[in-house]
Protein backbone atom coordinates (compact mmCIF):
# COMPACT_ATOMS: atom_id res chain seq x y z
CA VAL A 1 -20.84 0.86 -18.43
CA SER A 2 -21.58 -2.48 -20.05
CA HIS A 3 -19.88 -5.22 -21.99
CA GLY A 4 -20.85 -7.13 -25.11
CA GLY A 5 -23.11 -6.02 -27.90
CA GLU A 6 -26.56 -4.52 -28.03
CA GLY A 7 -28.86 -5.53 -25.21
CA ALA A 8 -25.96 -6.45 -22.91
CA ALA A 9 -26.62 -6.25 -19.19
CA PRO A 10 -24.85 -3.40 -17.40
CA VAL A 11 -21.97 -4.48 -15.14
CA ALA A 12 -21.38 -1.14 -13.41
CA THR A 13 -22.96 2.25 -12.80
CA LEU A 14 -20.99 5.48 -12.60
CA SER A 15 -22.62 8.32 -10.67
CA VAL A 16 -21.12 11.80 -11.09
CA ALA A 17 -22.03 14.77 -8.88
CA PHE A 18 -20.94 18.37 -9.50
CA GLY A 19 -21.17 21.20 -7.01
CA ARG A 20 -20.76 22.00 -3.34
CA MET A 21 -18.97 19.42 -1.23
CA GLY A 22 -19.82 20.59 2.29
CA ALA A 23 -17.04 22.48 4.05
CA ALA A 24 -14.56 21.30 1.40
CA GLY A 25 -15.83 23.83 -1.15
CA VAL A 26 -16.78 22.84 -4.69
CA GLY A 27 -15.74 19.93 -6.84
CA ILE A 28 -16.70 16.70 -8.57
CA THR A 29 -17.40 13.31 -7.03
CA ALA A 30 -17.56 10.17 -9.19
CA THR A 31 -18.79 6.96 -7.56
CA LEU A 32 -18.58 3.54 -9.26
CA TYR A 33 -21.06 0.80 -8.30
CA ASP A 34 -20.42 -2.84 -9.26
CA LEU A 35 -23.56 -4.52 -10.63
CA SER A 36 -21.91 -7.80 -11.63
CA GLY A 37 -22.76 -9.57 -8.34
CA GLY A 38 -26.49 -9.63 -9.11
CA LYS A 39 -27.38 -8.01 -5.77
CA ARG A 40 -30.51 -5.90 -5.47
CA GLY A 41 -31.19 -2.88 -3.32
CA LEU A 42 -28.71 -0.38 -1.94
CA LEU A 43 -25.21 -1.20 -3.18
CA PRO A 44 -22.00 -0.12 -1.49
CA PRO A 45 -19.65 1.84 -3.75
CA ALA A 46 -16.83 -0.12 -5.40
CA ALA A 47 -14.65 2.97 -5.88
CA ARG A 48 -14.85 6.75 -5.80
CA LEU A 49 -12.98 9.75 -7.10
CA VAL A 50 -13.14 13.17 -5.46
CA LEU A 51 -11.81 16.18 -7.37
CA ARG A 52 -11.83 19.35 -5.32
CA GLY A 53 -11.92 22.69 -7.09
CA GLY A 54 -8.79 24.62 -6.28
CA GLY A 55 -8.65 27.08 -9.13
CA GLY A 56 -5.11 25.99 -10.02
CA GLY A 57 -6.09 24.15 -13.16
CA GLY A 58 -4.08 21.02 -12.30
CA THR A 59 -4.54 17.87 -10.32
CA SER A 60 -3.18 17.05 -6.90
CA ASN A 61 -1.83 13.81 -5.48
CA ALA A 62 -5.17 13.32 -3.74
CA ASP A 63 -6.98 13.18 -7.12
CA GLU A 64 -7.01 9.40 -7.59
CA TRP A 65 -9.54 6.60 -7.36
CA GLU A 66 -10.16 5.18 -3.89
CA VAL A 67 -11.09 1.50 -3.97
CA CYS A 68 -13.72 0.72 -1.34
CA GLU A 69 -13.22 -2.49 0.60
CA GLU A 70 -15.43 -3.90 3.30
CA ARG A 71 -13.57 -4.59 6.51
CA ALA A 72 -14.55 -5.34 10.04
CA ALA A 73 -13.74 -2.82 12.75
CA THR A 74 -14.55 -2.52 16.42
CA LEU A 75 -15.85 0.86 17.56
CA SER A 76 -15.56 2.21 21.08
CA PHE A 77 -17.44 5.12 22.61
CA GLU A 78 -15.88 6.68 25.72
CA PRO A 79 -16.48 9.93 27.59
CA GLU A 80 -13.76 12.36 26.56
CA HIS A 81 -11.41 12.87 29.51
CA GLY A 82 -14.00 11.17 31.80
CA ASP A 83 -16.22 14.26 31.55
CA VAL A 84 -19.73 13.07 32.57
CA SER A 85 -22.90 14.58 34.03
CA SER A 86 -26.04 13.19 35.60
CA SER A 87 -28.52 11.98 33.02
CA TYR A 88 -31.85 13.66 32.40
CA ARG A 89 -33.65 10.64 33.89
CA SER A 90 -31.48 10.86 37.02
CA GLU A 91 -32.11 14.59 37.37
CA MET A 92 -35.87 14.03 37.06
CA GLY A 93 -35.72 11.74 40.11
CA LEU A 94 -36.36 8.35 38.48
CA LEU A 95 -35.06 5.96 41.13
CA ASP A 96 -34.09 3.22 38.64
CA PHE A 97 -31.73 5.71 36.98
CA LYS A 98 -30.38 7.66 39.98
CA GLU A 99 -26.77 6.57 39.25
CA GLU A 100 -27.00 7.03 35.47
CA VAL A 101 -24.53 9.45 33.85
CA VAL A 102 -24.00 10.65 30.30
CA ALA A 103 -20.86 11.88 28.59
CA ASN A 104 -20.59 15.61 27.92
CA LYS A 105 -18.29 14.85 24.98
CA ILE A 106 -17.83 11.44 23.35
CA HIS A 107 -14.58 10.12 21.92
CA VAL A 108 -15.16 7.54 19.17
CA GLY A 109 -12.30 5.13 18.58
CA SER A 110 -11.91 2.26 16.16
CA SER A 111 -9.62 -0.66 15.71
CA ASP A 112 -9.31 -2.30 12.34
CA THR A 113 -9.72 -6.07 12.84
CA ARG A 114 -7.98 -7.09 9.61
C-alpha cells in the first residue's frame, strides 16, 4: 500500500496468510503494519483480521479488523491454589536453596493500567 505517484514510499505493508490456524482449524489472517513512522526492525502490527473457515459461506460477527494498541499492563504469577513443591535445587540438598519451592501450576493474571 502506498500513496502518491510512481516511486512513492510505501506507508503500510499487508501480510496475508492462508492455511492452518493451530487448534482453530483453517482460515485467513491479514496483518497490517504501519510504515509511516520511519521505524526500522521488527514492527508491531497496526491491525489484523482473522477469518476462520467454517464452511458456511458467510461471515460472522467476529470477522472484523482488530486495531492493535500498545498499553501498559501489570502481570502477576501465582501458584494456582497455593499448590507448590520443593524445588529441584532443594531436593538435591543445596543448602542455599533448602526452603525454595516451585509452583506445580501457575496462574497468570494481568491488570490493565490504562
